[in-house]
């Protein structure tokens, strides 16, 4: 029993660096994924806003063109 406990403890000590490294790496990847997702959402929202502004600008240009071509008499 003591041998088994010593064997398990030695194995844990020997692999604890790899375990810590794996946990740290996993945490960093999760943090990076969340960051990339936030950036993608922000880009998407900005793109939608630009499209809405462009749609308003096109409608205004169309209206101004109509007014120029059809002046009221």
C-alpha atoms as a PDB file:
ATOM      1  CA  UNK A   1       0.000   0.000   0.000  1.00  0.00           C
ATOM      2  CA  UNK A   2       2.815   2.416   0.835  1.00  0.00           C
ATOM      3  CA  UNK A   3       4.499   1.532  -2.438  1.00  0.00           C
ATOM      4  CA  UNK A   4       1.300   2.286  -4.387  1.00  0.00           C
ATOM      5  CA  UNK A   5       0.865   5.616  -2.607  1.00  0.00           C
ATOM      6  CA  UNK A   6       4.501   6.527  -3.246  1.00  0.00           C
ATOM      7  CA  UNK A   7       4.139   5.510  -6.909  1.00  0.00           C
ATOM      8  CA  UNK A   8       1.005   7.636  -7.384  1.00  0.00           C
ATOM      9  CA  UNK A   9       2.542  10.594  -5.575  1.00  0.00           C
ATOM     10  CA  UNK A  10       5.705  10.360  -7.667  1.00  0.00           C
ATOM     11  CA  UNK A  11       3.619  10.208 -10.839  1.00  0.00           C
ATOM     12  CA  UNK A  12       1.645  13.285  -9.819  1.00  0.00           C
ATOM     13  CA  UNK A  13       4.772  15.246  -8.967  1.00  0.00           C
ATOM     14  CA  UNK A  14       6.423  14.204 -12.217  1.00  0.00           C
ATOM     15  CA  UNK A  15       3.416  15.179 -14.349  1.00  0.00           C
ATOM     16  CA  UNK A  16       2.222  18.226 -12.423  1.00  0.00           C
ATOM     17  CA  UNK A  17       4.204  20.581 -14.676  1.00  0.00           C
ATOM     18  CA  UNK A  18       2.461  19.176 -17.733  1.00  0.00           C
ATOM     19  CA  UNK A  19      -0.907  19.386 -16.006  1.00  0.00           C
ATOM     20  CA  UNK A  20      -0.330  23.030 -15.064  1.00  0.00           C
ATOM     21  CA  UNK A  21       0.948  23.800 -18.561  1.00  0.00           C
ATOM     22  CA  UNK A  22      -2.140  22.165 -20.104  1.00  0.00           C
ATOM     23  CA  UNK A  23      -4.501  24.071 -17.828  1.00  0.00           C
ATOM     24  CA  UNK A  24      -2.749  27.361 -18.539  1.00  0.00           C
ATOM     25  CA  UNK A  25      -2.807  26.685 -22.274  1.00  0.00           C
ATOM     26  CA  UNK A  26      -6.486  25.786 -22.177  1.00  0.00           C
ATOM     27  CA  UNK A  27      -7.296  28.954 -20.237  1.00  0.00           C
ATOM     28  CA  UNK A  28      -5.316  31.081 -22.717  1.00  0.00           C
ATOM     29  CA  UNK A  29      -7.103  29.515 -25.694  1.00  0.00           C
ATOM     30  CA  UNK A  30     -10.497  30.051 -24.077  1.00  0.00           C
ATOM     31  CA  UNK A  31      -9.628  33.675 -23.340  1.00  0.00           C
ATOM     32  CA  UNK A  32      -8.410  34.192 -26.925  1.00  0.00           C
ATOM     33  CA  UNK A  33     -11.580  32.633 -28.350  1.00  0.00           C
ATOM     34  CA  UNK A  34     -13.749  34.925 -26.230  1.00  0.00           C
ATOM     35  CA  UNK A  35     -11.694  37.919 -27.351  1.00  0.00           C
ATOM     36  CA  UNK A  36     -11.977  36.948 -31.017  1.00  0.00           C
ATOM     37  CA  UNK A  37     -15.727  36.456 -30.629  1.00  0.00           C
ATOM     38  CA  UNK A  38     -16.101  39.930 -29.086  1.00  0.00           C
ATOM     39  CA  UNK A  39     -14.090  41.421 -31.959  1.00  0.00           C
ATOM     40  CA  UNK A  40     -16.208  39.589 -34.545  1.00  0.00           C
ATOM     41  CA  UNK A  41     -19.415  40.827 -32.903  1.00  0.00           C
ATOM     42  CA  UNK A  42     -18.116  44.392 -32.859  1.00  0.00           C
ATOM     43  CA  UNK A  43     -17.088  44.170 -36.525  1.00  0.00           C
ATOM     44  CA  UNK A  44     -20.463  42.741 -37.443  1.00  0.00           C
ATOM     45  CA  UNK A  45     -22.318  45.489 -35.592  1.00  0.00           C
ATOM     46  CA  UNK A  46     -20.150  48.155 -37.267  1.00  0.00           C
ATOM     47  CA  UNK A  47     -20.793  46.604 -40.664  1.00  0.00           C
ATOM     48  CA  UNK A  48     -24.548  46.647 -40.046  1.00  0.00           C
ATOM     49  CA  UNK A  49     -24.373  50.305 -38.993  1.00  0.00           C
ATOM     50  CA  UNK A  50     -22.377  51.193 -42.123  1.00  0.00           C
ATOM     51  CA  UNK A  51     -24.920  49.379 -44.284  1.00  0.00           C
ATOM     52  CA  UNK A  52     -27.780  51.268 -42.627  1.00  0.00           C
ATOM     53  CA  UNK A  53     -26.018  54.600 -43.136  1.00  0.00           C
ATOM     54  CA  UNK A  54     -25.307  53.750 -46.765  1.00  0.00           C
ATOM     55  CA  UNK A  55     -28.945  52.785 -47.284  1.00  0.00           C
ATOM     56  CA  UNK A  56     -30.040  56.165 -45.886  1.00  0.00           C
ATOM     57  CA  UNK A  57     -27.502  57.963 -48.079  1.00  0.00           C
ATOM     58  CA  UNK A  58     -28.719  56.129 -51.190  1.00  0.00           C
ATOM     59  CA  UNK A  59     -32.334  56.960 -50.378  1.00  0.00           C
ATOM     60  CA  UNK A  60     -31.372  60.609 -49.932  1.00  0.00           C
ATOM     61  CA  UNK A  61     -29.451  60.641 -53.224  1.00  0.00           C
ATOM     62  CA  UNK A  62     -32.418  59.058 -54.989  1.00  0.00           C
ATOM     63  CA  UNK A  63     -34.751  61.653 -53.540  1.00  0.00           C
ATOM     64  CA  UNK A  64     -32.422  64.537 -54.444  1.00  0.00           C
ATOM     65  CA  UNK A  65     -32.100  63.181 -57.980  1.00  0.00           C
ATOM     66  CA  UNK A  66     -35.873  62.930 -58.283  1.00  0.00           C
ATOM     67  CA  UNK A  67     -36.264  66.520 -57.036  1.00  0.00           C
ATOM     68  CA  UNK A  68     -33.641  67.730 -59.550  1.00  0.00           C
ATOM     69  CA  UNK A  69     -35.286  65.931 -62.471  1.00  0.00           C
ATOM     70  CA  UNK A  70     -38.853  66.853 -61.566  1.00  0.00           C
ATOM     71  CA  UNK A  71     -38.917  70.406 -60.277  1.00  0.00           C
ATOM     72  CA  UNK A  72     -42.278  71.590 -59.084  1.00  0.00           C
ATOM     73  CA  UNK A  73     -43.710  74.288 -61.237  1.00  0.00           C
END
